[in-house]
Amino acid sequence: MNNLLVMPPQYTDAQARRWARKADYRAVKARGKQHINNRGGYQLVDDCNNVVAGVNFDLTATEVVEFCKRELHDEAMTDDGSDVSIQPVVSPEEWAELITDVAVNLMESEQ
């Protein structure tokens, strides 16, 4: 019998920490009592102790692994769950034109 509902894989603590190391991060698990800034999950920290994701310790092990996979494989996040990477395409000329338009509009609004 074909199962139409496929559950996403659940990752363990060790897998989350391993993927974080691969992406040059450290997965920190919350300790102590849960409160507004401690949701009991994970936080990803870089080598300078800057929080990269999970500011309130609100990441699950699965979210840690998925975040690290995106970082390693440079995949863009999409809302529909597909692997399609959506990249905005703006040429350097269009970008320069947008910047000059904004600068002109700012100068005109100040006068």
N, C-alpha and C. Protein backbone atom coordinates (compact mmCIF):
# COMPACT_ATOMS: atom_id res chain seq x y z
N MET A 1 0.84 -1.19 0.00
CA MET A 1 0.00 0.00 0.00
C MET A 1 0.89 1.25 0.00
N ASN A 2 0.59 2.17 -0.91
CA ASN A 2 1.35 3.41 -1.00
C ASN A 2 0.92 4.38 0.09
N ASN A 3 1.86 4.92 0.78
CA ASN A 3 1.57 5.91 1.81
C ASN A 3 1.64 7.29 1.18
N LEU A 4 0.51 8.00 1.14
CA LEU A 4 0.47 9.31 0.50
C LEU A 4 1.10 10.40 1.36
N LEU A 5 1.06 10.21 2.67
CA LEU A 5 1.62 11.21 3.57
C LEU A 5 3.00 10.76 3.99
N VAL A 6 4.02 11.48 3.56
CA VAL A 6 5.39 11.14 3.91
C VAL A 6 5.86 12.12 4.97
N MET A 7 6.21 11.60 6.11
CA MET A 7 6.66 12.44 7.22
C MET A 7 8.12 12.84 6.99
N PRO A 8 8.47 14.09 7.30
CA PRO A 8 9.87 14.49 7.17
C PRO A 8 10.72 13.73 8.18
N PRO A 9 11.98 13.52 7.86
CA PRO A 9 12.84 12.76 8.79
C PRO A 9 13.05 13.53 10.09
N GLN A 10 13.09 12.81 11.19
CA GLN A 10 13.37 13.41 12.48
C GLN A 10 14.84 13.15 12.81
N TYR A 11 15.55 14.18 13.16
CA TYR A 11 16.97 14.06 13.43
C TYR A 11 17.24 14.05 14.92
N THR A 12 18.32 13.42 15.31
CA THR A 12 18.70 13.33 16.72
C THR A 12 19.61 14.48 17.11
N ASP A 13 19.88 14.56 18.40
CA ASP A 13 20.78 15.58 18.93
C ASP A 13 22.17 15.45 18.31
N ALA A 14 22.66 14.23 18.21
CA ALA A 14 24.00 14.01 17.65
C ALA A 14 24.05 14.40 16.18
N GLN A 15 23.00 14.11 15.43
CA GLN A 15 22.98 14.48 14.01
C GLN A 15 22.95 16.00 13.85
N ALA A 16 22.18 16.68 14.71
CA ALA A 16 22.13 18.15 14.64
C ALA A 16 23.50 18.75 14.91
N ARG A 17 24.18 18.24 15.92
CA ARG A 17 25.51 18.76 16.25
C ARG A 17 26.53 18.44 15.16
N ARG A 18 26.41 17.27 14.55
CA ARG A 18 27.33 16.88 13.47
C ARG A 18 27.15 17.79 12.25
N TRP A 19 25.91 18.04 11.86
CA TRP A 19 25.66 18.92 10.72
C TRP A 19 26.10 20.35 11.02
N ALA A 20 25.94 20.79 12.26
CA ALA A 20 26.39 22.14 12.63
C ALA A 20 27.90 22.24 12.50
N ARG A 21 28.62 21.22 12.92
CA ARG A 21 30.08 21.23 12.77
C ARG A 21 30.49 21.27 11.31
N LYS A 22 29.78 20.53 10.47
CA LYS A 22 30.08 20.53 9.03
C LYS A 22 29.93 21.93 8.45
N ALA A 23 28.95 22.68 8.95
CA ALA A 23 28.69 24.03 8.43
C ALA A 23 29.47 25.10 9.20
N ASP A 24 30.44 24.69 10.03
CA ASP A 24 31.26 25.60 10.83
C ASP A 24 30.45 26.39 11.86
N TYR A 25 29.46 25.74 12.43
CA TYR A 25 28.67 26.32 13.52
C TYR A 25 28.75 25.39 14.71
N ARG A 26 28.20 25.85 15.81
CA ARG A 26 28.09 25.03 17.01
C ARG A 26 26.63 25.03 17.42
N ALA A 27 26.04 23.85 17.59
CA ALA A 27 24.66 23.73 18.03
C ALA A 27 24.64 23.70 19.55
N VAL A 28 24.01 24.71 20.15
CA VAL A 28 23.95 24.82 21.60
C VAL A 28 22.53 24.47 22.04
N LYS A 29 22.41 23.53 22.94
CA LYS A 29 21.10 23.11 23.47
C LYS A 29 20.79 23.94 24.70
N ALA A 30 19.54 24.38 24.80
CA ALA A 30 19.12 25.18 25.95
C ALA A 30 19.16 24.35 27.22
N ARG A 31 19.53 25.00 28.30
CA ARG A 31 19.54 24.36 29.61
C ARG A 31 18.70 25.18 30.55
N GLY A 32 18.28 24.57 31.61
CA GLY A 32 17.54 25.29 32.64
C GLY A 32 16.07 25.41 32.32
N LYS A 33 15.43 26.24 33.10
CA LYS A 33 13.99 26.43 33.02
C LYS A 33 13.59 27.21 31.77
N GLN A 34 12.50 26.80 31.15
CA GLN A 34 12.03 27.51 29.96
C GLN A 34 11.37 28.82 30.37
N HIS A 35 11.66 29.87 29.58
CA HIS A 35 11.04 31.17 29.77
C HIS A 35 10.98 31.86 28.42
N ILE A 36 10.72 33.13 28.38
CA ILE A 36 10.48 33.82 27.11
C ILE A 36 11.68 33.78 26.17
N ASN A 37 12.90 33.79 26.70
CA ASN A 37 14.10 33.73 25.87
C ASN A 37 14.73 32.35 25.82
N ASN A 38 14.06 31.37 26.35
CA ASN A 38 14.57 30.00 26.36
C ASN A 38 13.41 29.07 26.06
N ARG A 39 13.32 28.64 24.81
CA ARG A 39 12.22 27.78 24.38
C ARG A 39 12.55 26.29 24.50
N GLY A 40 13.73 25.97 24.98
CA GLY A 40 14.09 24.58 25.20
C GLY A 40 14.66 23.88 23.98
N GLY A 41 14.99 24.62 22.93
CA GLY A 41 15.52 24.01 21.72
C GLY A 41 17.00 24.28 21.52
N TYR A 42 17.35 24.56 20.27
CA TYR A 42 18.75 24.76 19.91
C TYR A 42 18.99 26.19 19.44
N GLN A 43 20.26 26.56 19.47
CA GLN A 43 20.74 27.83 18.94
C GLN A 43 21.99 27.51 18.12
N LEU A 44 22.11 28.11 16.95
CA LEU A 44 23.33 27.94 16.15
C LEU A 44 24.22 29.14 16.37
N VAL A 45 25.49 28.86 16.71
CA VAL A 45 26.45 29.90 17.06
C VAL A 45 27.67 29.72 16.17
N ASP A 46 28.23 30.84 15.68
CA ASP A 46 29.45 30.74 14.87
C ASP A 46 30.68 30.75 15.78
N ASP A 47 31.87 30.78 15.19
CA ASP A 47 33.10 30.68 15.97
C ASP A 47 33.39 31.91 16.82
N CYS A 48 32.70 33.02 16.57
CA CYS A 48 32.87 34.24 17.38
C CYS A 48 31.74 34.40 18.39
N ASN A 49 30.96 33.33 18.61
CA ASN A 49 29.82 33.31 19.53
C ASN A 49 28.69 34.23 19.10
N ASN A 50 28.58 34.52 17.80
CA ASN A 50 27.44 35.25 17.28
C ASN A 50 26.32 34.27 16.99
N VAL A 51 25.11 34.60 17.40
CA VAL A 51 23.97 33.73 17.15
C VAL A 51 23.58 33.85 15.69
N VAL A 52 23.56 32.72 14.99
CA VAL A 52 23.23 32.69 13.57
C VAL A 52 21.75 32.38 13.38
N ALA A 53 21.21 31.49 14.20
CA ALA A 53 19.80 31.11 14.11
C ALA A 53 19.35 30.61 15.47
N GLY A 54 18.06 30.76 15.75
CA GLY A 54 17.51 30.28 17.01
C GLY A 54 17.83 31.17 18.18
N VAL A 55 17.56 32.46 18.03
CA VAL A 55 17.92 33.43 19.06
C VAL A 55 17.35 33.05 20.43
N ASN A 56 16.12 32.56 20.45
CA ASN A 56 15.47 32.19 21.71
C ASN A 56 15.51 30.69 21.97
N PHE A 57 16.54 30.02 21.46
CA PHE A 57 16.65 28.57 21.58
C PHE A 57 15.38 27.90 21.08
N ASP A 58 14.91 28.34 19.90
CA ASP A 58 13.63 27.86 19.39
C ASP A 58 13.76 26.93 18.18
N LEU A 59 14.96 26.43 17.90
CA LEU A 59 15.13 25.50 16.79
C LEU A 59 15.03 24.06 17.28
N THR A 60 14.41 23.21 16.45
CA THR A 60 14.42 21.78 16.73
C THR A 60 15.66 21.18 16.08
N ALA A 61 15.95 19.93 16.38
CA ALA A 61 17.10 19.26 15.78
C ALA A 61 16.93 19.18 14.26
N THR A 62 15.71 18.94 13.81
CA THR A 62 15.43 18.88 12.37
C THR A 62 15.68 20.22 11.71
N GLU A 63 15.27 21.32 12.36
CA GLU A 63 15.49 22.65 11.80
C GLU A 63 16.98 22.99 11.74
N VAL A 64 17.74 22.53 12.73
CA VAL A 64 19.19 22.75 12.73
C VAL A 64 19.81 22.06 11.52
N VAL A 65 19.44 20.80 11.29
CA VAL A 65 20.00 20.04 10.17
C VAL A 65 19.61 20.67 8.85
N GLU A 66 18.34 21.05 8.70
CA GLU A 66 17.89 21.67 7.44
C GLU A 66 18.59 23.00 7.20
N PHE A 67 18.77 23.81 8.24
CA PHE A 67 19.47 25.09 8.10
C PHE A 67 20.90 24.86 7.65
N CYS A 68 21.57 23.91 8.27
CA CYS A 68 22.97 23.63 7.93
C CYS A 68 23.10 23.06 6.52
N LYS A 69 22.15 22.23 6.11
CA LYS A 69 22.17 21.71 4.74
C LYS A 69 22.03 22.84 3.73
N ARG A 70 21.13 23.79 4.02
CA ARG A 70 20.97 24.95 3.12
C ARG A 70 22.25 25.77 3.07
N GLU A 71 22.89 25.96 4.22
CA GLU A 71 24.13 26.72 4.26
C GLU A 71 25.24 26.02 3.46
N LEU A 72 25.33 24.72 3.61
CA LEU A 72 26.39 23.97 2.92
C LEU A 72 26.14 23.86 1.43
N HIS A 73 24.91 23.66 1.05
CA HIS A 73 24.59 23.45 -0.36
C HIS A 73 24.06 24.69 -1.05
N ASP A 74 24.03 25.82 -0.33
CA ASP A 74 23.60 27.11 -0.87
C ASP A 74 22.24 27.01 -1.56
N GLU A 75 21.30 26.39 -0.88
CA GLU A 75 19.96 26.26 -1.42
C GLU A 75 19.08 27.36 -0.84
N ALA A 76 18.28 27.94 -1.68
CA ALA A 76 17.37 28.99 -1.23
C ALA A 76 16.14 28.36 -0.59
N MET A 77 15.59 29.04 0.42
CA MET A 77 14.38 28.55 1.05
C MET A 77 13.19 28.88 0.18
N THR A 78 12.25 27.96 0.08
CA THR A 78 11.01 28.21 -0.63
C THR A 78 9.85 27.86 0.27
N ASP A 79 8.70 28.49 0.04
CA ASP A 79 7.54 28.26 0.88
C ASP A 79 6.85 26.94 0.59
N ASP A 80 6.98 26.44 -0.62
CA ASP A 80 6.23 25.25 -1.00
C ASP A 80 6.97 23.95 -0.69
N GLY A 81 8.16 24.03 -0.13
CA GLY A 81 8.89 22.84 0.23
C GLY A 81 9.64 22.20 -0.92
N SER A 82 9.60 22.80 -2.08
CA SER A 82 10.31 22.21 -3.21
C SER A 82 11.78 22.60 -3.16
N ASP A 83 12.57 21.95 -3.99
CA ASP A 83 14.00 22.23 -4.05
C ASP A 83 14.34 23.31 -5.06
N VAL A 84 13.34 24.01 -5.58
CA VAL A 84 13.56 25.03 -6.59
C VAL A 84 14.19 26.24 -5.92
N SER A 85 15.29 26.68 -6.46
CA SER A 85 15.98 27.83 -5.94
C SER A 85 15.50 29.08 -6.67
N ILE A 86 15.00 30.05 -5.92
CA ILE A 86 14.50 31.28 -6.51
C ILE A 86 15.51 32.38 -6.22
N GLN A 87 16.13 32.88 -7.24
CA GLN A 87 17.12 33.93 -7.09
C GLN A 87 16.63 35.18 -7.83
N PRO A 88 16.63 36.32 -7.17
CA PRO A 88 16.25 37.54 -7.88
C PRO A 88 17.32 37.88 -8.92
N VAL A 89 16.88 38.26 -10.10
CA VAL A 89 17.82 38.57 -11.17
C VAL A 89 17.72 40.05 -11.48
N VAL A 90 18.76 40.78 -11.09
CA VAL A 90 18.85 42.20 -11.39
C VAL A 90 20.25 42.43 -11.94
N SER A 91 20.29 42.98 -13.14
CA SER A 91 21.59 43.23 -13.75
C SER A 91 22.27 44.40 -13.03
N PRO A 92 23.58 44.51 -13.14
CA PRO A 92 24.29 45.63 -12.51
C PRO A 92 23.80 46.99 -13.02
N GLU A 93 23.43 47.04 -14.28
CA GLU A 93 22.92 48.31 -14.83
C GLU A 93 21.59 48.68 -14.20
N GLU A 94 20.69 47.69 -14.04
CA GLU A 94 19.41 47.96 -13.40
C GLU A 94 19.60 48.36 -11.94
N TRP A 95 20.55 47.71 -11.28
CA TRP A 95 20.83 48.02 -9.89
C TRP A 95 21.33 49.46 -9.76
N ALA A 96 22.24 49.87 -10.64
CA ALA A 96 22.75 51.24 -10.61
C ALA A 96 21.62 52.24 -10.87
N GLU A 97 20.74 51.90 -11.80
CA GLU A 97 19.61 52.78 -12.11
C GLU A 97 18.67 52.91 -10.91
N LEU A 98 18.41 51.82 -10.23
CA LEU A 98 17.55 51.86 -9.04
C LEU A 98 18.17 52.73 -7.95
N ILE A 99 19.47 52.61 -7.76
CA ILE A 99 20.15 53.40 -6.73
C ILE A 99 20.10 54.88 -7.07
N THR A 100 20.33 55.23 -8.34
CA THR A 100 20.28 56.65 -8.71
C THR A 100 18.87 57.19 -8.60
N ASP A 101 17.86 56.39 -8.93
CA ASP A 101 16.47 56.84 -8.78
C ASP A 101 16.15 57.14 -7.32
N VAL A 102 16.60 56.28 -6.43
CA VAL A 102 16.35 56.49 -5.00
C VAL A 102 17.07 57.74 -4.53
N ALA A 103 18.30 57.93 -4.97
CA ALA A 103 19.06 59.12 -4.57
C ALA A 103 18.40 60.39 -5.09
N VAL A 104 17.93 60.37 -6.32
CA VAL A 104 17.26 61.55 -6.90
C VAL A 104 15.98 61.84 -6.13
N ASN A 105 15.21 60.81 -5.84
CA ASN A 105 13.96 61.00 -5.09
C ASN A 105 14.22 61.55 -3.70
N LEU A 106 15.28 61.12 -3.05
CA LEU A 106 15.61 61.65 -1.74
C LEU A 106 16.00 63.11 -1.81
N MET A 107 16.80 63.44 -2.83
CA MET A 107 17.23 64.84 -2.98
C MET A 107 16.04 65.74 -3.29
N GLU A 108 15.11 65.26 -4.11
CA GLU A 108 13.93 66.07 -4.45
C GLU A 108 13.01 66.24 -3.24
N SER A 109 12.91 65.22 -2.40
CA SER A 109 12.03 65.32 -1.24
C SER A 109 12.59 66.25 -0.16
N GLU A 110 13.91 66.43 -0.14
CA GLU A 110 14.53 67.32 0.84
C GLU A 110 14.39 68.79 0.44
N GLN A 111 14.13 69.06 -0.82
CA GLN A 111 14.03 70.46 -1.27
C GLN A 111 12.69 71.05 -1.02
